[in-house]
Amino acid sequence: MSLADAVTGLSYGAAGAQRLDADDCGRLAVLIDERLHAAGAEGELETVVVTGARHQLVMHLLPGYGDPLLLTVALERERANLALVLRHLSRYPAQEAA
């Protein structure tokens, strides 16, 4: 798991056996967001899920009062419940700046 500034790529921390490079995850999220907008998608990117044979990668933007944070989690497909993870992530609503 890693937490990083979604704009600058500055890593705030990482934990777990699978160390994720916050900068690489941030660049991937920006690339996906740019390509979606180029294809005509509107609105903000919220969550990206990449699935593989053994792992699932979940990248979730946490908007707030400054730059959004990018929370990235690598899940073992056999042990994780992706639906439950996505449900828990949806509990963090966007905070409006005062």
N, C-alpha and C. Protein backbone atom coordinates (compact mmCIF):
# COMPACT_ATOMS: atom_id res chain seq x y z
N MET A 1 0.86 -1.16 0.00
CA MET A 1 0.00 0.00 0.00
C MET A 1 0.90 1.22 0.00
N SER A 2 0.48 2.25 -0.73
CA SER A 2 1.23 3.50 -0.71
C SER A 2 0.25 4.67 -0.74
N LEU A 3 0.69 5.79 -0.20
CA LEU A 3 -0.08 7.03 -0.21
C LEU A 3 0.82 8.12 -0.73
N ALA A 4 0.35 8.82 -1.76
CA ALA A 4 1.18 9.84 -2.39
C ALA A 4 0.33 11.02 -2.82
N ASP A 5 0.99 12.16 -3.00
CA ASP A 5 0.34 13.33 -3.58
C ASP A 5 0.09 13.01 -5.04
N ALA A 6 -1.16 13.10 -5.48
CA ALA A 6 -1.52 12.69 -6.85
C ALA A 6 -0.97 13.64 -7.91
N VAL A 7 -0.62 14.87 -7.54
CA VAL A 7 -0.12 15.84 -8.50
C VAL A 7 1.39 15.81 -8.59
N THR A 8 2.05 15.84 -7.44
CA THR A 8 3.52 15.92 -7.43
C THR A 8 4.20 14.57 -7.38
N GLY A 9 3.47 13.53 -6.93
CA GLY A 9 4.08 12.21 -6.79
C GLY A 9 4.84 12.03 -5.49
N LEU A 10 4.83 13.06 -4.62
CA LEU A 10 5.52 12.98 -3.34
C LEU A 10 4.91 11.86 -2.50
N SER A 11 5.73 10.92 -2.07
CA SER A 11 5.26 9.78 -1.31
C SER A 11 5.13 10.15 0.16
N TYR A 12 3.97 9.85 0.74
CA TYR A 12 3.76 10.08 2.17
C TYR A 12 4.00 8.81 2.98
N GLY A 13 4.11 7.68 2.31
CA GLY A 13 4.39 6.45 3.02
C GLY A 13 4.00 5.22 2.24
N ALA A 14 4.55 4.10 2.67
CA ALA A 14 4.25 2.81 2.05
C ALA A 14 4.31 1.75 3.14
N ALA A 15 3.50 0.72 2.98
CA ALA A 15 3.47 -0.36 3.95
C ALA A 15 3.14 -1.65 3.23
N GLY A 16 3.49 -2.75 3.86
CA GLY A 16 3.15 -4.05 3.32
C GLY A 16 4.31 -4.71 2.63
N ALA A 17 4.09 -5.97 2.30
CA ALA A 17 5.13 -6.78 1.68
C ALA A 17 5.42 -6.34 0.25
N GLN A 18 4.40 -5.86 -0.45
CA GLN A 18 4.58 -5.45 -1.83
C GLN A 18 4.74 -3.93 -1.87
N ARG A 19 5.97 -3.49 -1.91
CA ARG A 19 6.25 -2.05 -1.95
C ARG A 19 5.87 -1.51 -3.32
N LEU A 20 4.98 -0.55 -3.34
CA LEU A 20 4.55 0.07 -4.59
C LEU A 20 5.26 1.40 -4.74
N ASP A 21 5.77 1.67 -5.91
CA ASP A 21 6.42 2.94 -6.19
C ASP A 21 5.34 4.00 -6.38
N ALA A 22 5.23 4.91 -5.43
CA ALA A 22 4.17 5.92 -5.47
C ALA A 22 4.28 6.79 -6.71
N ASP A 23 5.48 7.12 -7.12
CA ASP A 23 5.67 7.96 -8.30
C ASP A 23 5.16 7.26 -9.56
N ASP A 24 5.48 5.97 -9.71
CA ASP A 24 4.99 5.20 -10.86
C ASP A 24 3.47 5.10 -10.85
N CYS A 25 2.88 4.87 -9.69
CA CYS A 25 1.43 4.78 -9.59
C CYS A 25 0.78 6.12 -9.93
N GLY A 26 1.38 7.21 -9.48
CA GLY A 26 0.87 8.53 -9.80
C GLY A 26 0.91 8.82 -11.29
N ARG A 27 2.02 8.46 -11.93
CA ARG A 27 2.13 8.67 -13.38
C ARG A 27 1.11 7.82 -14.13
N LEU A 28 0.87 6.60 -13.67
CA LEU A 28 -0.12 5.73 -14.31
C LEU A 28 -1.52 6.33 -14.18
N ALA A 29 -1.86 6.85 -13.00
CA ALA A 29 -3.17 7.46 -12.80
C ALA A 29 -3.35 8.69 -13.70
N VAL A 30 -2.31 9.52 -13.81
CA VAL A 30 -2.38 10.70 -14.68
C VAL A 30 -2.55 10.28 -16.14
N LEU A 31 -1.80 9.28 -16.57
CA LEU A 31 -1.90 8.79 -17.94
C LEU A 31 -3.31 8.27 -18.24
N ILE A 32 -3.87 7.49 -17.33
CA ILE A 32 -5.22 6.97 -17.53
C ILE A 32 -6.22 8.11 -17.59
N ASP A 33 -6.08 9.08 -16.69
CA ASP A 33 -6.99 10.23 -16.66
C ASP A 33 -6.91 11.03 -17.97
N GLU A 34 -5.71 11.26 -18.45
CA GLU A 34 -5.53 12.01 -19.70
C GLU A 34 -6.15 11.26 -20.88
N ARG A 35 -5.91 9.96 -20.96
CA ARG A 35 -6.45 9.18 -22.07
C ARG A 35 -7.97 9.10 -22.02
N LEU A 36 -8.54 8.99 -20.83
CA LEU A 36 -10.00 8.96 -20.71
C LEU A 36 -10.61 10.28 -21.18
N HIS A 37 -10.00 11.40 -20.79
CA HIS A 37 -10.50 12.71 -21.23
C HIS A 37 -10.32 12.88 -22.74
N ALA A 38 -9.22 12.39 -23.29
CA ALA A 38 -9.01 12.47 -24.73
C ALA A 38 -10.06 11.66 -25.49
N ALA A 39 -10.56 10.60 -24.85
CA ALA A 39 -11.58 9.76 -25.47
C ALA A 39 -12.99 10.31 -25.25
N GLY A 40 -13.10 11.43 -24.54
CA GLY A 40 -14.39 12.06 -24.35
C GLY A 40 -15.02 11.87 -22.99
N ALA A 41 -14.35 11.21 -22.08
CA ALA A 41 -14.90 11.02 -20.74
C ALA A 41 -14.91 12.35 -20.01
N GLU A 42 -15.93 12.57 -19.21
CA GLU A 42 -16.04 13.80 -18.45
C GLU A 42 -15.97 13.49 -16.96
N GLY A 43 -15.58 14.49 -16.17
CA GLY A 43 -15.53 14.33 -14.73
C GLY A 43 -14.15 13.92 -14.25
N GLU A 44 -14.07 13.74 -12.95
CA GLU A 44 -12.81 13.41 -12.30
C GLU A 44 -12.62 11.90 -12.20
N LEU A 45 -11.38 11.49 -12.31
CA LEU A 45 -11.03 10.09 -12.11
C LEU A 45 -11.17 9.78 -10.62
N GLU A 46 -11.83 8.68 -10.29
CA GLU A 46 -12.00 8.30 -8.89
C GLU A 46 -11.18 7.08 -8.52
N THR A 47 -11.41 5.97 -9.22
CA THR A 47 -10.76 4.72 -8.88
C THR A 47 -10.37 3.98 -10.15
N VAL A 48 -9.19 3.38 -10.11
CA VAL A 48 -8.72 2.54 -11.20
C VAL A 48 -8.43 1.17 -10.61
N VAL A 49 -8.93 0.12 -11.26
CA VAL A 49 -8.67 -1.25 -10.82
C VAL A 49 -8.01 -1.99 -11.98
N VAL A 50 -6.84 -2.55 -11.71
CA VAL A 50 -6.12 -3.35 -12.69
C VAL A 50 -6.05 -4.77 -12.15
N THR A 51 -6.55 -5.73 -12.93
CA THR A 51 -6.54 -7.10 -12.45
C THR A 51 -5.55 -7.94 -13.23
N GLY A 52 -4.92 -8.84 -12.51
CA GLY A 52 -4.00 -9.79 -13.11
C GLY A 52 -4.36 -11.18 -12.63
N ALA A 53 -3.58 -12.15 -13.04
CA ALA A 53 -3.87 -13.53 -12.66
C ALA A 53 -3.78 -13.76 -11.15
N ARG A 54 -2.84 -13.08 -10.49
CA ARG A 54 -2.64 -13.29 -9.06
C ARG A 54 -2.91 -12.06 -8.20
N HIS A 55 -2.88 -10.88 -8.80
CA HIS A 55 -3.02 -9.66 -8.01
C HIS A 55 -4.03 -8.71 -8.63
N GLN A 56 -4.53 -7.82 -7.80
CA GLN A 56 -5.38 -6.72 -8.23
C GLN A 56 -4.77 -5.44 -7.67
N LEU A 57 -4.66 -4.43 -8.51
CA LEU A 57 -4.12 -3.15 -8.10
C LEU A 57 -5.26 -2.15 -8.09
N VAL A 58 -5.46 -1.50 -6.95
CA VAL A 58 -6.52 -0.51 -6.81
C VAL A 58 -5.86 0.84 -6.53
N MET A 59 -6.16 1.83 -7.38
CA MET A 59 -5.68 3.19 -7.18
C MET A 59 -6.90 4.07 -6.98
N HIS A 60 -6.94 4.77 -5.85
CA HIS A 60 -8.12 5.57 -5.50
C HIS A 60 -7.68 6.98 -5.14
N LEU A 61 -8.30 7.98 -5.79
CA LEU A 61 -8.01 9.38 -5.49
C LEU A 61 -8.85 9.83 -4.31
N LEU A 62 -8.19 10.48 -3.36
CA LEU A 62 -8.86 11.03 -2.20
C LEU A 62 -8.77 12.55 -2.29
N PRO A 63 -9.81 13.20 -2.82
CA PRO A 63 -9.77 14.66 -2.93
C PRO A 63 -9.86 15.30 -1.56
N GLY A 64 -9.32 16.49 -1.45
CA GLY A 64 -9.36 17.19 -0.17
C GLY A 64 -9.18 18.67 -0.36
N TYR A 65 -8.50 19.31 0.56
CA TYR A 65 -8.34 20.76 0.54
C TYR A 65 -7.13 21.22 -0.27
N GLY A 66 -6.30 20.35 -0.66
CA GLY A 66 -5.15 20.71 -1.49
C GLY A 66 -5.11 19.76 -2.66
N ASP A 67 -3.91 19.34 -2.99
CA ASP A 67 -3.78 18.35 -4.04
C ASP A 67 -4.43 17.04 -3.57
N PRO A 68 -5.06 16.31 -4.48
CA PRO A 68 -5.65 15.03 -4.07
C PRO A 68 -4.55 14.02 -3.71
N LEU A 69 -4.90 13.09 -2.87
CA LEU A 69 -3.98 12.01 -2.50
C LEU A 69 -4.33 10.78 -3.32
N LEU A 70 -3.31 10.00 -3.64
CA LEU A 70 -3.51 8.76 -4.38
C LEU A 70 -3.17 7.60 -3.45
N LEU A 71 -4.20 6.83 -3.11
CA LEU A 71 -4.02 5.63 -2.29
C LEU A 71 -3.95 4.44 -3.24
N THR A 72 -2.88 3.68 -3.16
CA THR A 72 -2.68 2.54 -4.04
C THR A 72 -2.50 1.29 -3.19
N VAL A 73 -3.27 0.26 -3.53
CA VAL A 73 -3.22 -0.98 -2.77
C VAL A 73 -3.08 -2.15 -3.74
N ALA A 74 -2.15 -3.06 -3.45
CA ALA A 74 -2.01 -4.30 -4.21
C ALA A 74 -2.65 -5.41 -3.38
N LEU A 75 -3.60 -6.11 -4.00
CA LEU A 75 -4.33 -7.16 -3.31
C LEU A 75 -4.00 -8.52 -3.92
N GLU A 76 -3.90 -9.53 -3.07
CA GLU A 76 -3.77 -10.89 -3.56
C GLU A 76 -5.16 -11.35 -3.97
N ARG A 77 -5.31 -11.74 -5.20
CA ARG A 77 -6.63 -12.06 -5.75
C ARG A 77 -7.34 -13.17 -4.99
N GLU A 78 -6.61 -14.16 -4.54
CA GLU A 78 -7.20 -15.30 -3.82
C GLU A 78 -7.67 -14.94 -2.42
N ARG A 79 -7.09 -13.88 -1.83
CA ARG A 79 -7.37 -13.57 -0.43
C ARG A 79 -8.21 -12.32 -0.23
N ALA A 80 -8.37 -11.49 -1.25
CA ALA A 80 -9.04 -10.21 -1.09
C ALA A 80 -10.44 -10.22 -1.69
N ASN A 81 -11.29 -9.40 -1.14
CA ASN A 81 -12.63 -9.21 -1.67
C ASN A 81 -12.66 -7.82 -2.29
N LEU A 82 -12.53 -7.75 -3.61
CA LEU A 82 -12.44 -6.49 -4.32
C LEU A 82 -13.68 -5.63 -4.09
N ALA A 83 -14.85 -6.22 -4.11
CA ALA A 83 -16.08 -5.46 -3.91
C ALA A 83 -16.10 -4.78 -2.54
N LEU A 84 -15.64 -5.47 -1.52
CA LEU A 84 -15.59 -4.91 -0.18
C LEU A 84 -14.58 -3.77 -0.10
N VAL A 85 -13.45 -3.93 -0.74
CA VAL A 85 -12.44 -2.86 -0.77
C VAL A 85 -13.02 -1.62 -1.43
N LEU A 86 -13.66 -1.78 -2.58
CA LEU A 86 -14.24 -0.64 -3.28
C LEU A 86 -15.35 0.01 -2.47
N ARG A 87 -16.12 -0.77 -1.76
CA ARG A 87 -17.17 -0.22 -0.91
C ARG A 87 -16.58 0.63 0.20
N HIS A 88 -15.53 0.15 0.83
CA HIS A 88 -14.88 0.91 1.90
C HIS A 88 -14.27 2.20 1.37
N LEU A 89 -13.68 2.15 0.18
CA LEU A 89 -13.09 3.36 -0.39
C LEU A 89 -14.14 4.41 -0.71
N SER A 90 -15.34 3.98 -1.04
CA SER A 90 -16.40 4.94 -1.37
C SER A 90 -16.89 5.68 -0.13
N ARG A 91 -16.47 5.30 1.03
CA ARG A 91 -16.87 5.98 2.27
C ARG A 91 -16.09 7.27 2.49
N TYR A 92 -15.12 7.57 1.65
CA TYR A 92 -14.33 8.78 1.79
C TYR A 92 -14.80 9.79 0.75
N PRO A 93 -15.84 10.57 1.09
CA PRO A 93 -16.38 11.52 0.10
C PRO A 93 -15.42 12.68 -0.14
N ALA A 94 -15.61 13.34 -1.26
CA ALA A 94 -14.82 14.53 -1.58
C ALA A 94 -15.14 15.61 -0.55
N GLN A 95 -14.08 16.28 -0.08
CA GLN A 95 -14.27 17.37 0.87
C GLN A 95 -14.22 18.68 0.10
N GLU A 96 -15.19 19.51 0.34
CA GLU A 96 -15.23 20.81 -0.33
C GLU A 96 -14.37 21.79 0.45
N ALA A 97 -13.59 22.57 -0.30
CA ALA A 97 -12.79 23.62 0.33
C ALA A 97 -13.70 24.72 0.84
N ALA A 98 -13.42 25.22 2.02
CA ALA A 98 -14.26 26.27 2.62
C ALA A 98 -13.91 27.64 2.06
